Amino acid sequence: MNRYMPITGHDCNVPSLLIDTQAPVDVLHDAAAYRIRAVTQLLESFSITEASHREPVILQELTLVCTILLRDGCDLMDVTTRRLQTQAVL
């Protein structure tokens, strides 16, 4: 596994956002959990608002924000899983 892995949520020829795959596992896990919790809180707060306040443009923007955060969280969890599997083999 390369030391730095680009996040998958942003297609670019020159990646600018990278995950340090050698960071401590607890740091990787905390970063993933933070992003996933942020999406959860956003969706929970949005789900209690009245439907009449939801405009298509706002829904589209919220969906994009949730997608970005969830992709980042999943990328971090993937690295964490690979690291833990490698430690289990050793």
PDB file of N, CA and C in Angstrom:
ATOM      1  N   MET A   1       0.846  -1.172   0.000  1.00  0.00           N
ATOM      2  CA  MET A   1       0.000   0.000   0.000  1.00  0.00           C
ATOM      3  C   MET A   1       0.897   1.242   0.000  1.00  0.00           C
ATOM      4  N   ASN A   2       0.597   2.178  -0.900  1.00  0.00           N
ATOM      5  CA  ASN A   2       1.362   3.424  -0.953  1.00  0.00           C
ATOM      6  C   ASN A   2       1.166   4.218   0.328  1.00  0.00           C
ATOM      7  N   ARG A   3       2.149   5.027   0.669  1.00  0.00           N
ATOM      8  CA  ARG A   3       2.075   5.825   1.901  1.00  0.00           C
ATOM      9  C   ARG A   3       0.888   6.790   1.845  1.00  0.00           C
ATOM     10  N   TYR A   4       0.716   7.467   0.728  1.00  0.00           N
ATOM     11  CA  TYR A   4      -0.371   8.438   0.601  1.00  0.00           C
ATOM     12  C   TYR A   4      -1.351   7.984  -0.471  1.00  0.00           C
ATOM     13  N   MET A   5      -2.617   7.928  -0.101  1.00  0.00           N
ATOM     14  CA  MET A   5      -3.660   7.483  -1.013  1.00  0.00           C
ATOM     15  C   MET A   5      -4.617   8.644  -1.257  1.00  0.00           C
ATOM     16  N   PRO A   6      -4.877   8.975  -2.524  1.00  0.00           N
ATOM     17  CA  PRO A   6      -5.840  10.057  -2.781  1.00  0.00           C
ATOM     18  C   PRO A   6      -7.256   9.627  -2.404  1.00  0.00           C
ATOM     19  N   ILE A   7      -8.045  10.574  -1.911  1.00  0.00           N
ATOM     20  CA  ILE A   7      -9.442  10.259  -1.636  1.00  0.00           C
ATOM     21  C   ILE A   7     -10.146  10.041  -2.966  1.00  0.00           C
ATOM     22  N   THR A   8     -11.171   9.211  -2.955  1.00  0.00           N
ATOM     23  CA  THR A   8     -11.839   8.855  -4.210  1.00  0.00           C
ATOM     24  C   THR A   8     -12.948   9.823  -4.601  1.00  0.00           C
ATOM     25  N   GLY A   9     -13.343  10.696  -3.705  1.00  0.00           N
ATOM     26  CA  GLY A   9     -14.465  11.583  -3.969  1.00  0.00           C
ATOM     27  C   GLY A   9     -14.165  12.728  -4.907  1.00  0.00           C
ATOM     28  N   HIS A  10     -12.907  12.897  -5.286  1.00  0.00           N
ATOM     29  CA  HIS A  10     -12.543  14.033  -6.133  1.00  0.00           C
ATOM     30  C   HIS A  10     -11.649  13.547  -7.261  1.00  0.00           C
ATOM     31  N   ASP A  11     -12.209  13.475  -8.462  1.00  0.00           N
ATOM     32  CA  ASP A  11     -11.415  13.052  -9.620  1.00  0.00           C
ATOM     33  C   ASP A  11     -10.567  14.213 -10.101  1.00  0.00           C
ATOM     34  N   CYS A  12      -9.279  13.979 -10.155  1.00  0.00           N
ATOM     35  CA  CYS A  12      -8.356  15.029 -10.575  1.00  0.00           C
ATOM     36  C   CYS A  12      -7.063  14.354 -11.032  1.00  0.00           C
ATOM     37  N   ASN A  13      -6.407  14.952 -12.013  1.00  0.00           N
ATOM     38  CA  ASN A  13      -5.143  14.397 -12.484  1.00  0.00           C
ATOM     39  C   ASN A  13      -4.038  14.511 -11.432  1.00  0.00           C
ATOM     40  N   VAL A  14      -4.113  15.568 -10.629  1.00  0.00           N
ATOM     41  CA  VAL A  14      -3.138  15.770  -9.565  1.00  0.00           C
ATOM     42  C   VAL A  14      -3.900  15.809  -8.244  1.00  0.00           C
ATOM     43  N   PRO A  15      -3.931  14.681  -7.518  1.00  0.00           N
ATOM     44  CA  PRO A  15      -4.708  14.652  -6.271  1.00  0.00           C
ATOM     45  C   PRO A  15      -4.139  15.618  -5.244  1.00  0.00           C
ATOM     46  N   SER A  16      -5.039  16.322  -4.566  1.00  0.00           N
ATOM     47  CA  SER A  16      -4.596  17.278  -3.554  1.00  0.00           C
ATOM     48  C   SER A  16      -5.011  16.869  -2.136  1.00  0.00           C
ATOM     49  N   LEU A  17      -5.970  15.976  -2.032  1.00  0.00           N
ATOM     50  CA  LEU A  17      -6.392  15.490  -0.721  1.00  0.00           C
ATOM     51  C   LEU A  17      -5.984  14.023  -0.606  1.00  0.00           C
ATOM     52  N   LEU A  18      -5.128  13.763   0.369  1.00  0.00           N
ATOM     53  CA  LEU A  18      -4.542  12.436   0.505  1.00  0.00           C
ATOM     54  C   LEU A  18      -4.747  11.893   1.908  1.00  0.00           C
ATOM     55  N   ILE A  19      -4.799  10.575   2.007  1.00  0.00           N
ATOM     56  CA  ILE A  19      -4.858   9.890   3.291  1.00  0.00           C
ATOM     57  C   ILE A  19      -3.483   9.298   3.556  1.00  0.00           C
ATOM     58  N   ASP A  20      -2.945   9.577   4.723  1.00  0.00           N
ATOM     59  CA  ASP A  20      -1.677   8.971   5.131  1.00  0.00           C
ATOM     60  C   ASP A  20      -1.983   7.557   5.613  1.00  0.00           C
ATOM     61  N   THR A  21      -1.685   6.579   4.787  1.00  0.00           N
ATOM     62  CA  THR A  21      -2.030   5.193   5.111  1.00  0.00           C
ATOM     63  C   THR A  21      -1.203   4.643   6.274  1.00  0.00           C
ATOM     64  N   GLN A  22      -0.159   5.363   6.671  1.00  0.00           N
ATOM     65  CA  GLN A  22       0.671   4.924   7.791  1.00  0.00           C
ATOM     66  C   GLN A  22       0.357   5.673   9.082  1.00  0.00           C
ATOM     67  N   ALA A  23      -0.689   6.493   9.046  1.00  0.00           N
ATOM     68  CA  ALA A  23      -1.114   7.185  10.268  1.00  0.00           C
ATOM     69  C   ALA A  23      -1.590   6.136  11.274  1.00  0.00           C
ATOM     70  N   PRO A  24      -1.555   6.458  12.555  1.00  0.00           N
ATOM     71  CA  PRO A  24      -2.045   5.494  13.539  1.00  0.00           C
ATOM     72  C   PRO A  24      -3.491   5.095  13.242  1.00  0.00           C
ATOM     73  N   VAL A  25      -3.795   3.831  13.467  1.00  0.00           N
ATOM     74  CA  VAL A  25      -5.127   3.298  13.156  1.00  0.00           C
ATOM     75  C   VAL A  25      -6.222   4.061  13.895  1.00  0.00           C
ATOM     76  N   ASP A  26      -5.972   4.430  15.141  1.00  0.00           N
ATOM     77  CA  ASP A  26      -6.999   5.159  15.886  1.00  0.00           C
ATOM     78  C   ASP A  26      -7.261   6.536  15.296  1.00  0.00           C
ATOM     79  N   VAL A  27      -6.250   7.149  14.724  1.00  0.00           N
ATOM     80  CA  VAL A  27      -6.418   8.457  14.077  1.00  0.00           C
ATOM     81  C   VAL A  27      -7.239   8.301  12.799  1.00  0.00           C
ATOM     82  N   LEU A  28      -6.946   7.276  12.017  1.00  0.00           N
ATOM     83  CA  LEU A  28      -7.720   7.011  10.802  1.00  0.00           C
ATOM     84  C   LEU A  28      -9.187   6.728  11.151  1.00  0.00           C
ATOM     85  N   HIS A  29      -9.384   5.902  12.176  1.00  0.00           N
ATOM     86  CA  HIS A  29     -10.741   5.562  12.601  1.00  0.00           C
ATOM     87  C   HIS A  29     -11.486   6.804  13.087  1.00  0.00           C
ATOM     88  N   ASP A  30     -10.844   7.635  13.889  1.00  0.00           N
ATOM     89  CA  ASP A  30     -11.488   8.851  14.390  1.00  0.00           C
ATOM     90  C   ASP A  30     -11.878   9.787  13.257  1.00  0.00           C
ATOM     91  N   ALA A  31     -11.010   9.918  12.250  1.00  0.00           N
ATOM     92  CA  ALA A  31     -11.310  10.786  11.112  1.00  0.00           C
ATOM     93  C   ALA A  31     -12.522  10.262  10.333  1.00  0.00           C
ATOM     94  N   ALA A  32     -12.581   8.944  10.156  1.00  0.00           N
ATOM     95  CA  ALA A  32     -13.725   8.337   9.462  1.00  0.00           C
ATOM     96  C   ALA A  32     -15.001   8.517  10.274  1.00  0.00           C
ATOM     97  N   ALA A  33     -14.920   8.231  11.557  1.00  0.00           N
ATOM     98  CA  ALA A  33     -16.098   8.340  12.422  1.00  0.00           C
ATOM     99  C   ALA A  33     -16.617   9.773  12.467  1.00  0.00           C
ATOM    100  N   TYR A  34     -15.731  10.733  12.495  1.00  0.00           N
ATOM    101  CA  TYR A  34     -16.124  12.151  12.525  1.00  0.00           C
ATOM    102  C   TYR A  34     -16.953  12.510  11.290  1.00  0.00           C
ATOM    103  N   ARG A  35     -16.497  12.073  10.128  1.00  0.00           N
ATOM    104  CA  ARG A  35     -17.222  12.380   8.891  1.00  0.00           C
ATOM    105  C   ARG A  35     -18.573  11.670   8.845  1.00  0.00           C
ATOM    106  N   ILE A  36     -18.597  10.422   9.252  1.00  0.00           N
ATOM    107  CA  ILE A  36     -19.848   9.658   9.230  1.00  0.00           C
ATOM    108  C   ILE A  36     -20.847  10.228  10.238  1.00  0.00           C
ATOM    109  N   ARG A  37     -20.360  10.621  11.416  1.00  0.00           N
ATOM    110  CA  ARG A  37     -21.250  11.255  12.402  1.00  0.00           C
ATOM    111  C   ARG A  37     -21.796  12.579  11.885  1.00  0.00           C
ATOM    112  N   ALA A  38     -20.965  13.355  11.191  1.00  0.00           N
ATOM    113  CA  ALA A  38     -21.416  14.638  10.647  1.00  0.00           C
ATOM    114  C   ALA A  38     -22.561  14.431   9.660  1.00  0.00           C
ATOM    115  N   VAL A  39     -22.435  13.438   8.796  1.00  0.00           N
ATOM    116  CA  VAL A  39     -23.508  13.139   7.837  1.00  0.00           C
ATOM    117  C   VAL A  39     -24.758  12.684   8.581  1.00  0.00           C
ATOM    118  N   THR A  40     -24.583  11.827   9.568  1.00  0.00           N
ATOM    119  CA  THR A  40     -25.719  11.329  10.338  1.00  0.00           C
ATOM    120  C   THR A  40     -26.464  12.478  11.006  1.00  0.00           C
ATOM    121  N   GLN A  41     -25.734  13.393  11.636  1.00  0.00           N
ATOM    122  CA  GLN A  41     -26.371  14.524  12.309  1.00  0.00           C
ATOM    123  C   GLN A  41     -27.073  15.440  11.314  1.00  0.00           C
ATOM    124  N   LEU A  42     -26.454  15.655  10.168  1.00  0.00           N
ATOM    125  CA  LEU A  42     -27.070  16.487   9.142  1.00  0.00           C
ATOM    126  C   LEU A  42     -28.366  15.863   8.646  1.00  0.00           C
ATOM    127  N   LEU A  43     -28.331  14.577   8.351  1.00  0.00           N
ATOM    128  CA  LEU A  43     -29.538  13.894   7.873  1.00  0.00           C
ATOM    129  C   LEU A  43     -30.623  13.830   8.942  1.00  0.00           C
ATOM    130  N   GLU A  44     -30.215  13.608  10.196  1.00  0.00           N
ATOM    131  CA  GLU A  44     -31.199  13.579  11.274  1.00  0.00           C
ATOM    132  C   GLU A  44     -31.866  14.935  11.457  1.00  0.00           C
ATOM    133  N   SER A  45     -31.098  16.001  11.434  1.00  0.00           N
ATOM    134  CA  SER A  45     -31.692  17.334  11.601  1.00  0.00           C
ATOM    135  C   SER A  45     -32.551  17.698  10.399  1.00  0.00           C
ATOM    136  N   PHE A  46     -32.139  17.259   9.238  1.00  0.00           N
ATOM    137  CA  PHE A  46     -32.926  17.556   8.040  1.00  0.00           C
ATOM    138  C   PHE A  46     -34.228  16.761   8.021  1.00  0.00           C
ATOM    139  N   SER A  47     -34.196  15.576   8.582  1.00  0.00           N
ATOM    140  CA  SER A  47     -35.395  14.731   8.552  1.00  0.00           C
ATOM    141  C   SER A  47     -36.502  15.254   9.458  1.00  0.00           C
ATOM    142  N   ILE A  48     -36.188  16.107  10.425  1.00  0.00           N
ATOM    143  CA  ILE A  48     -37.221  16.622  11.317  1.00  0.00           C
ATOM    144  C   ILE A  48     -37.790  17.968  10.845  1.00  0.00           C
ATOM    145  N   THR A  49     -37.232  18.545   9.768  1.00  0.00           N
ATOM    146  CA  THR A  49     -37.791  19.791   9.244  1.00  0.00           C
ATOM    147  C   THR A  49     -39.009  19.477   8.392  1.00  0.00           C
ATOM    148  N   GLU A  50     -39.838  20.462   8.227  1.00  0.00           N
ATOM    149  CA  GLU A  50     -41.057  20.274   7.442  1.00  0.00           C
ATOM    150  C   GLU A  50     -40.730  20.120   5.962  1.00  0.00           C
ATOM    151  N   ALA A  51     -41.479  19.265   5.308  1.00  0.00           N
ATOM    152  CA  ALA A  51     -41.259  18.992   3.880  1.00  0.00           C
ATOM    153  C   ALA A  51     -41.460  20.243   3.037  1.00  0.00           C
ATOM    154  N   SER A  52     -42.274  21.162   3.490  1.00  0.00           N
ATOM    155  CA  SER A  52     -42.544  22.369   2.701  1.00  0.00           C
ATOM    156  C   SER A  52     -41.316  23.272   2.581  1.00  0.00           C
ATOM    157  N   HIS A  53     -40.338  23.087   3.464  1.00  0.00           N
ATOM    158  CA  HIS A  53     -39.129  23.911   3.422  1.00  0.00           C
ATOM    159  C   HIS A  53     -38.034  23.317   2.534  1.00  0.00           C
ATOM    160  N   ARG A  54     -38.296  22.201   1.945  1.00  0.00           N
ATOM    161  CA  ARG A  54     -37.274  21.511   1.138  1.00  0.00           C
ATOM    162  C   ARG A  54     -37.434  21.878  -0.334  1.00  0.00           C
ATOM    163  N   GLU A  55     -36.464  22.555  -0.834  1.00  0.00           N
ATOM    164  CA  GLU A  55     -36.463  22.899  -2.257  1.00  0.00           C
ATOM    165  C   GLU A  55     -35.483  21.982  -2.974  1.00  0.00           C
ATOM    166  N   PRO A  56     -35.756  21.671  -4.244  1.00  0.00           N
ATOM    167  CA  PRO A  56     -34.885  20.742  -4.983  1.00  0.00           C
ATOM    168  C   PRO A  56     -33.412  21.141  -4.976  1.00  0.00           C
ATOM    169  N   VAL A  57     -33.120  22.423  -5.073  1.00  0.00           N
ATOM    170  CA  VAL A  57     -31.722  22.867  -5.095  1.00  0.00           C
ATOM    171  C   VAL A  57     -31.054  22.574  -3.763  1.00  0.00           C
ATOM    172  N   ILE A  58     -31.763  22.809  -2.679  1.00  0.00           N
ATOM    173  CA  ILE A  58     -31.209  22.535  -1.349  1.00  0.00           C
ATOM    174  C   ILE A  58     -30.994  21.042  -1.175  1.00  0.00           C
ATOM    175  N   LEU A  59     -31.935  20.240  -1.623  1.00  0.00           N
ATOM    176  CA  LEU A  59     -31.777  18.779  -1.533  1.00  0.00           C
ATOM    177  C   LEU A  59     -30.552  18.318  -2.317  1.00  0.00           C
ATOM    178  N   GLN A  60     -30.350  18.885  -3.484  1.00  0.00           N
ATOM    179  CA  GLN A  60     -29.205  18.510  -4.314  1.00  0.00           C
ATOM    180  C   GLN A  60     -27.893  18.884  -3.615  1.00  0.00           C
ATOM    181  N   GLU A  61     -27.838  20.066  -3.014  1.00  0.00           N
ATOM    182  CA  GLU A  61     -26.627  20.500  -2.320  1.00  0.00           C
ATOM    183  C   GLU A  61     -26.361  19.641  -1.083  1.00  0.00           C
ATOM    184  N   LEU A  62     -27.413  19.319  -0.328  1.00  0.00           N
ATOM    185  CA  LEU A  62     -27.252  18.460   0.835  1.00  0.00           C
ATOM    186  C   LEU A  62     -26.792  17.064   0.450  1.00  0.00           C
ATOM    187  N   THR A  63     -27.327  16.562  -0.635  1.00  0.00           N
ATOM    188  CA  THR A  63     -26.915  15.247  -1.124  1.00  0.00           C
ATOM    189  C   THR A  63     -25.437  15.243  -1.479  1.00  0.00           C
ATOM    190  N   LEU A  64     -24.961  16.302  -2.122  1.00  0.00           N
ATOM    191  CA  LEU A  64     -23.545  16.398  -2.483  1.00  0.00           C
ATOM    192  C   LEU A  64     -22.666  16.428  -1.236  1.00  0.00           C
ATOM    193  N   VAL A  65     -23.044  17.220  -0.243  1.00  0.00           N
ATOM    194  CA  VAL A  65     -22.270  17.296   1.000  1.00  0.00           C
ATOM    195  C   VAL A  65     -22.205  15.926   1.673  1.00  0.00           C
ATOM    196  N   CYS A  66     -23.339  15.262   1.759  1.00  0.00           N
ATOM    197  CA  CYS A  66     -23.377  13.929   2.380  1.00  0.00           C
ATOM    198  C   CYS A  66     -22.521  12.940   1.608  1.00  0.00           C
ATOM    199  N   THR A  67     -22.569  12.999   0.301  1.00  0.00           N
ATOM    200  CA  THR A  67     -21.785  12.091  -0.537  1.00  0.00           C
ATOM    201  C   THR A  67     -20.293  12.290  -0.315  1.00  0.00           C
ATOM    202  N   ILE A  68     -19.859  13.533  -0.285  1.00  0.00           N
ATOM    203  CA  ILE A  68     -18.432  13.825  -0.087  1.00  0.00           C
ATOM    204  C   ILE A  68     -17.967  13.289   1.261  1.00  0.00           C
ATOM    205  N   LEU A  69     -18.723  13.601   2.310  1.00  0.00           N
ATOM    206  CA  LEU A  69     -18.319  13.152   3.641  1.00  0.00           C
ATOM    207  C   LEU A  69     -18.350  11.634   3.771  1.00  0.00           C
ATOM    208  N   LEU A  70     -19.358  10.999   3.202  1.00  0.00           N
ATOM    209  CA  LEU A  70     -19.436   9.534   3.287  1.00  0.00           C
ATOM    210  C   LEU A  70     -18.322   8.865   2.484  1.00  0.00           C
ATOM    211  N   ARG A  71     -17.990   9.404   1.319  1.00  0.00           N
ATOM    212  CA  ARG A  71     -16.868   8.824   0.546  1.00  0.00           C
ATOM    213  C   ARG A  71     -15.564   8.942   1.311  1.00  0.00           C
ATOM    214  N   ASP A  72     -15.328  10.124   1.902  1.00  0.00           N
ATOM    215  CA  ASP A  72     -14.113  10.302   2.700  1.00  0.00           C
ATOM    216  C   ASP A  72     -14.088   9.296   3.850  1.00  0.00           C
ATOM    217  N   GLY A  73     -15.217   9.170   4.544  1.00  0.00           N
ATOM    218  CA  GLY A  73     -15.291   8.234   5.662  1.00  0.00           C
ATOM    219  C   GLY A  73     -15.057   6.799   5.222  1.00  0.00           C
ATOM    220  N   CYS A  74     -15.635   6.422   4.105  1.00  0.00           N
ATOM    221  CA  CYS A  74     -15.437   5.057   3.579  1.00  0.00           C
ATOM    222  C   CYS A  74     -13.989   4.825   3.167  1.00  0.00           C
ATOM    223  N   ASP A  75     -13.360   5.815   2.545  1.00  0.00           N
ATOM    224  CA  ASP A  75     -11.943   5.690   2.181  1.00  0.00           C
ATOM    225  C   ASP A  75     -11.091   5.477   3.427  1.00  0.00           C
ATOM    226  N   LEU A  76     -11.366   6.258   4.464  1.00  0.00           N
ATOM    227  CA  LEU A  76     -10.616   6.117   5.708  1.00  0.00           C
ATOM    228  C   LEU A  76     -10.862   4.759   6.356  1.00  0.00           C
ATOM    229  N   MET A  77     -12.099   4.290   6.323  1.00  0.00           N
ATOM    230  CA  MET A  77     -12.406   2.974   6.890  1.00  0.00           C
ATOM    231  C   MET A  77     -11.730   1.865   6.083  1.00  0.00           C
ATOM    232  N   ASP A  78     -11.642   2.023   4.765  1.00  0.00           N
ATOM    233  CA  ASP A  78     -10.944   1.032   3.936  1.00  0.00           C
ATOM    234  C   ASP A  78      -9.477   0.924   4.337  1.00  0.00           C
ATOM    235  N   VAL A  79      -8.827   2.065   4.529  1.00  0.00           N
ATOM    236  CA  VAL A  79      -7.425   2.056   4.940  1.00  0.00           C
ATOM    237  C   VAL A  79      -7.300   1.423   6.328  1.00  0.00           C
ATOM    238  N   THR A  80      -8.187   1.782   7.233  1.00  0.00           N
ATOM    239  CA  THR A  80      -8.170   1.217   8.586  1.00  0.00           C
ATOM    240  C   THR A  80      -8.331  -0.302   8.538  1.00  0.00           C
ATOM    241  N   THR A  81      -9.262  -0.776   7.739  1.00  0.00           N
ATOM    242  CA  THR A  81      -9.493  -2.220   7.617  1.00  0.00           C
ATOM    243  C   THR A  81      -8.252  -2.924   7.088  1.00  0.00           C
ATOM    244  N   ARG A  82      -7.648  -2.365   6.049  1.00  0.00           N
ATOM    245  CA  ARG A  82      -6.433  -2.991   5.497  1.00  0.00           C
ATOM    246  C   ARG A  82      -5.314  -3.024   6.520  1.00  0.00           C
ATOM    247  N   ARG A  83      -5.183  -1.936   7.275  1.00  0.00           N
ATOM    248  CA  ARG A  83      -4.135  -1.891   8.305  1.00  0.00           C
ATOM    249  C   ARG A  83      -4.381  -2.944   9.380  1.00  0.00           C
ATOM    250  N   LEU A  84      -5.632  -3.067   9.824  1.00  0.00           N
ATOM    251  CA  LEU A  84      -5.954  -4.039  10.866  1.00  0.00           C
ATOM    252  C   LEU A  84      -5.767  -5.474  10.356  1.00  0.00           C
ATOM    253  N   GLN A  85      -6.114  -5.722   9.099  1.00  0.00           N
ATOM    254  CA  GLN A  85      -5.921  -7.053   8.525  1.00  0.00           C
ATOM    255  C   GLN A  85      -4.442  -7.379   8.434  1.00  0.00           C
ATOM    256  N   THR A  86      -3.620  -6.405   8.091  1.00  0.00           N
ATOM    257  CA  THR A  86      -2.176  -6.621   8.017  1.00  0.00           C
ATOM    258  C   THR A  86      -1.617  -6.927   9.399  1.00  0.00           C
ATOM    259  N   GLN A  87      -2.098  -6.198  10.426  1.00  0.00           N
ATOM    260  CA  GLN A  87      -1.628  -6.448  11.795  1.00  0.00           C
ATOM    261  C   GLN A  87      -2.059  -7.830  12.276  1.00  0.00           C
ATOM    262  N   ALA A  88      -3.234  -8.287  11.871  1.00  0.00           N
ATOM    263  CA  ALA A  88      -3.733  -9.592  12.297  1.00  0.00           C
ATOM    264  C   ALA A  88      -2.888 -10.723  11.708  1.00  0.00           C
ATOM    265  N   VAL A  89      -2.388 -10.531  10.505  1.00  0.00           N
ATOM    266  CA  VAL A  89      -1.563 -11.532   9.841  1.00  0.00           C
ATOM    267  C   VAL A  89      -0.198 -11.635  10.516  1.00  0.00           C
ATOM    268  N   LEU A  90       0.318 -10.518  10.992  1.00  0.00           N
ATOM    269  CA  LEU A  90       1.641 -10.507  11.629  1.00  0.00           C
ATOM    270  C   LEU A  90       1.528 -11.098  12.966  1.00  0.00           C
TER     271      LEU A  90
END
